[in-house]
Amino acid sequence: MTKPRVLMADDHSILLAGLRRLVEDSCEVVGMVEDGRALIEAANRIKPDLILLDISMPLLNGLDAAREIKKSLPDCKLLFLTMHASPTYATEALKAGGNGYLLKQSAASELPMAIEAVCHGQTYLTPAITRSVLETALQSDKAEMRRAVGDLTLRQREVLQLIGEGKSTKDIATLLKVSVKTVEFHKGRLMEQLDVHSTADLIKFAIAEGLAATDTGLT
């Protein structure tokens, strides 16, 4: 049987090396990247069978990266591997096109069977949060749980994440290939929609919602 071709994405190189050792007997590791934008580029170039990705990554978070990848590679399997044990994150990961969700602390014991399940067309959810995820998904009246973020456009989320990571307006304009004036426009709209009144408030909001990757360990 042909080994699945796997692309891995996490902003911690040591963790990537460890994950590679875990999967290389059963998978062909075809690439490793450390931010969300590099992941999209590598995915479209390599066209892997499976992507292992974190949620919290620099430049573009895993959820938005997944949404973009699914547009061009709908058949690519996405397996989220993260420290976020919240059922809200797990639900959002599945909505973004994820085929599986497990926690980093369970990787050593769960990753091989999660990869096998996902590659065979199943959805894998770590037992640690499966019940909570199902209960959350069934409670449609709680759809507004993540305040306002769901109403933002992809470009607004991109700008918000980069602000949260401390990027200047000029840096954001360069990364997104738009004008400084356009970034300022999005920033103003974000403040209006999120009902915040300063860049510092936007940074706090981005971090609180898990959009901004911060250097606080394995997240």
Protein backbone atom coordinates (compact mmCIF):
# COMPACT_ATOMS: atom_id res chain seq x y z
CA MET A 1 0.00 0.00 0.00
CA THR A 2 1.32 3.46 -0.92
CA LYS A 3 2.23 5.62 2.05
CA PRO A 4 0.18 8.83 2.35
CA ARG A 5 2.15 11.97 1.48
CA VAL A 6 2.06 14.24 4.54
CA LEU A 7 2.78 17.97 4.91
CA MET A 8 3.25 19.19 8.50
CA ALA A 9 2.75 22.72 9.86
CA ASP A 10 3.65 24.02 13.31
CA ASP A 11 5.59 27.06 14.47
CA HIS A 12 7.87 24.98 16.72
CA SER A 13 10.66 23.25 14.79
CA ILE A 14 11.44 20.88 17.67
CA LEU A 15 7.85 19.63 17.69
CA LEU A 16 7.91 19.19 13.91
CA ALA A 17 11.00 17.02 14.22
CA GLY A 18 9.29 14.90 16.87
CA LEU A 19 6.15 14.52 14.79
CA ARG A 20 8.23 13.46 11.81
CA ARG A 21 9.73 10.63 13.85
CA LEU A 22 6.24 9.56 14.92
CA VAL A 23 4.83 9.28 11.41
CA GLU A 24 7.71 8.50 9.07
CA ASP A 25 7.29 4.71 9.33
CA SER A 26 3.75 4.85 7.95
CA CYS A 27 3.83 8.13 5.98
CA GLU A 28 6.02 9.95 3.49
CA VAL A 29 6.77 13.38 4.95
CA VAL A 30 6.91 15.70 1.95
CA GLY A 31 7.32 19.04 3.73
CA MET A 32 7.44 20.95 7.01
CA VAL A 33 6.51 24.63 7.42
CA GLU A 34 6.22 27.00 10.37
CA ASP A 35 3.52 29.55 9.48
CA GLY A 36 0.08 29.63 7.90
CA ARG A 37 1.04 31.46 4.73
CA ALA A 38 3.94 29.11 4.04
CA LEU A 39 1.49 26.24 4.58
CA ILE A 40 -0.88 27.46 1.86
CA GLU A 41 2.00 27.93 -0.59
CA ALA A 42 3.49 24.51 0.18
CA ALA A 43 0.11 22.76 0.02
CA ASN A 44 -0.67 24.15 -3.44
CA ARG A 45 2.82 23.34 -4.67
CA ILE A 46 3.21 19.85 -3.18
CA LYS A 47 -0.46 18.72 -3.20
CA PRO A 48 -0.13 16.31 -0.25
CA ASP A 49 -2.65 13.62 0.68
CA LEU A 50 -2.75 14.80 4.30
CA ILE A 51 -1.81 17.93 6.22
CA LEU A 52 -1.04 17.94 9.95
CA LEU A 53 -1.54 21.50 11.18
CA ASP A 54 -1.76 23.55 14.35
CA ILE A 55 -4.39 26.22 14.98
CA SER A 56 -2.08 28.89 16.42
CA MET A 57 0.53 29.78 13.79
CA PRO A 58 2.23 33.06 12.80
CA LEU A 59 1.06 35.21 9.86
CA LEU A 60 -2.12 33.16 9.31
CA ASN A 61 -3.85 30.87 11.80
CA GLY A 62 -4.57 27.25 10.98
CA LEU A 63 -8.34 27.69 10.71
CA ASP A 64 -8.11 30.33 7.97
CA ALA A 65 -5.27 28.46 6.27
CA ALA A 66 -7.47 25.35 6.21
CA ARG A 67 -10.35 27.25 4.61
CA GLU A 68 -8.06 28.52 1.85
CA ILE A 69 -6.48 25.11 1.23
CA LYS A 70 -9.87 23.42 0.94
CA LYS A 71 -10.82 25.81 -1.87
CA SER A 72 -7.98 24.63 -4.11
CA LEU A 73 -7.43 21.12 -2.70
CA PRO A 74 -10.86 19.83 -1.64
CA ASP A 75 -9.69 16.21 -1.45
CA CYS A 76 -6.72 16.93 0.82
CA LYS A 77 -7.24 15.57 4.35
CA LEU A 78 -6.66 18.00 7.23
CA LEU A 79 -5.77 16.74 10.70
CA PHE A 80 -5.53 19.42 13.39
CA LEU A 81 -2.95 18.82 16.12
CA THR A 82 -3.17 21.48 18.82
CA MET A 83 -3.03 22.37 22.51
CA HIS A 84 -6.56 23.87 22.36
CA ALA A 85 -8.83 21.48 24.27
CA SER A 86 -11.87 23.73 23.84
CA PRO A 87 -14.87 22.17 22.08
CA THR A 88 -15.42 25.53 20.38
CA TYR A 89 -12.05 25.30 18.61
CA ALA A 90 -12.68 21.68 17.65
CA THR A 91 -16.07 22.58 16.18
CA GLU A 92 -14.54 25.50 14.24
CA ALA A 93 -11.78 23.21 12.94
CA LEU A 94 -14.33 20.78 11.54
CA LYS A 95 -16.33 23.63 9.99
CA ALA A 96 -13.11 24.87 8.34
CA GLY A 97 -12.77 21.53 6.56
CA GLY A 98 -10.85 19.53 9.15
CA ASN A 99 -11.09 15.74 9.02
CA GLY A 100 -9.68 15.21 12.49
CA TYR A 101 -8.76 16.93 15.73
CA LEU A 102 -6.42 15.74 18.45
CA LEU A 103 -4.37 17.27 21.23
CA LYS A 104 -0.59 17.56 21.22
CA GLN A 105 -0.30 15.88 24.60
CA SER A 106 -2.00 12.81 23.10
CA ALA A 107 0.01 12.72 19.89
CA ALA A 108 2.31 9.86 20.88
CA SER A 109 -0.61 7.51 21.57
CA GLU A 110 -3.28 8.81 19.17
CA LEU A 111 -1.55 10.18 16.08
CA PRO A 112 -1.01 6.88 14.19
CA MET A 113 -4.65 5.80 14.54
CA ALA A 114 -5.87 9.33 13.80
CA ILE A 115 -3.91 9.37 10.53
CA GLU A 116 -5.22 5.91 9.61
CA ALA A 117 -8.82 6.94 10.31
CA VAL A 118 -8.59 10.20 8.37
CA CYS A 119 -6.88 8.58 5.39
CA HIS A 120 -9.72 6.03 5.23
CA GLY A 121 -12.33 8.74 4.99
CA GLN A 122 -13.35 8.83 8.66
CA THR A 123 -13.50 11.82 10.99
CA TYR A 124 -11.22 11.51 14.02
CA LEU A 125 -11.96 13.37 17.25
CA THR A 126 -9.80 12.90 20.31
CA PRO A 127 -11.74 11.10 23.08
CA ALA A 128 -10.72 13.90 25.46
CA ILE A 129 -13.24 16.29 23.91
CA THR A 130 -15.50 14.23 21.65
CA ARG A 131 -18.57 14.41 23.87
CA SER A 132 -18.17 18.14 24.42
CA VAL A 133 -17.79 18.74 20.69
CA LEU A 134 -20.96 16.84 19.89
CA GLU A 135 -22.91 18.65 22.59
CA THR A 136 -21.65 22.01 21.36
CA ALA A 137 -22.50 21.23 17.74
CA LEU A 138 -26.04 20.28 18.73
CA GLN A 139 -26.66 23.53 20.59
CA SER A 140 -27.26 25.79 17.61
CA ASP A 141 -28.51 28.55 19.87
CA LYS A 142 -24.91 29.00 21.00
CA ALA A 143 -23.67 29.76 17.49
CA GLU A 144 -22.67 33.26 18.61
CA MET A 145 -20.30 31.84 21.23
CA ARG A 146 -17.24 33.42 19.64
CA ARG A 147 -18.15 37.09 19.81
CA ALA A 148 -18.16 38.84 16.43
CA VAL A 149 -15.24 36.88 14.92
CA GLY A 150 -17.53 34.73 12.81
CA ASP A 151 -18.89 37.86 11.13
CA LEU A 152 -15.46 39.09 10.01
CA THR A 153 -14.28 38.55 6.45
CA LEU A 154 -11.14 36.52 5.77
CA ARG A 155 -9.20 39.71 5.02
CA GLN A 156 -10.40 41.27 8.29
CA ARG A 157 -9.27 38.18 10.22
CA GLU A 158 -5.91 38.32 8.45
CA VAL A 159 -5.43 41.96 9.42
CA LEU A 160 -6.60 41.31 12.98
CA GLN A 161 -4.19 38.40 13.41
CA LEU A 162 -1.24 40.41 12.10
CA ILE A 163 -2.12 43.33 14.39
CA GLY A 164 -2.29 40.87 17.27
CA GLU A 165 1.18 39.62 16.38
CA GLY A 166 2.54 43.16 16.65
CA LYS A 167 3.01 43.87 12.95
CA SER A 168 3.02 47.52 11.90
CA THR A 169 0.55 48.89 9.35
CA LYS A 170 3.35 49.05 6.77
CA ASP A 171 4.40 45.45 7.50
CA ILE A 172 0.80 44.26 7.13
CA ALA A 173 0.43 46.10 3.83
CA THR A 174 3.60 44.43 2.53
CA LEU A 175 2.53 40.95 3.66
CA LEU A 176 -0.95 41.25 2.19
CA LYS A 177 0.23 43.11 -0.94
CA VAL A 178 -2.18 46.00 -0.38
CA SER A 179 -1.78 49.71 0.32
CA VAL A 180 -1.26 51.19 3.78
CA LYS A 181 -4.53 53.05 3.24
CA THR A 182 -6.36 49.75 2.72
CA VAL A 183 -4.92 48.33 5.95
CA GLU A 184 -6.00 51.44 7.82
CA PHE A 185 -9.50 51.04 6.36
CA HIS A 186 -9.73 47.44 7.59
CA LYS A 187 -8.35 48.44 10.97
CA GLY A 188 -11.03 51.11 11.32
CA ARG A 189 -13.77 48.66 10.33
CA LEU A 190 -12.46 46.15 12.84
CA MET A 191 -12.61 48.68 15.66
CA GLU A 192 -16.15 49.57 14.66
CA GLN A 193 -17.40 45.99 14.36
CA LEU A 194 -15.66 44.72 17.50
CA ASP A 195 -16.51 47.84 19.49
CA VAL A 196 -12.92 48.52 20.53
CA HIS A 197 -11.13 51.86 20.45
CA SER A 198 -7.38 51.33 20.14
CA THR A 199 -4.71 49.15 18.57
CA ALA A 200 -3.96 47.77 22.03
CA ASP A 201 -7.59 46.63 22.32
CA LEU A 202 -7.36 44.94 18.93
CA ILE A 203 -4.21 43.11 20.04
CA LYS A 204 -5.90 41.95 23.25
CA PHE A 205 -8.96 40.80 21.31
CA ALA A 206 -6.89 38.86 18.77
CA ILE A 207 -4.95 37.08 21.52
CA ALA A 208 -8.07 36.36 23.59
CA GLU A 209 -9.80 34.79 20.57
CA GLY A 210 -6.76 32.66 19.73
CA LEU A 211 -6.22 34.38 16.38
CA ALA A 212 -2.74 35.68 17.14
CA ALA A 213 0.15 33.29 17.62
CA THR A 214 2.10 34.34 20.70
CA ASP A 215 5.41 32.96 21.89
CA THR A 216 4.10 31.36 25.06
CA GLY A 217 5.21 27.80 24.51
CA LEU A 218 3.54 25.00 22.59
CA THR A 219 0.17 26.46 21.59
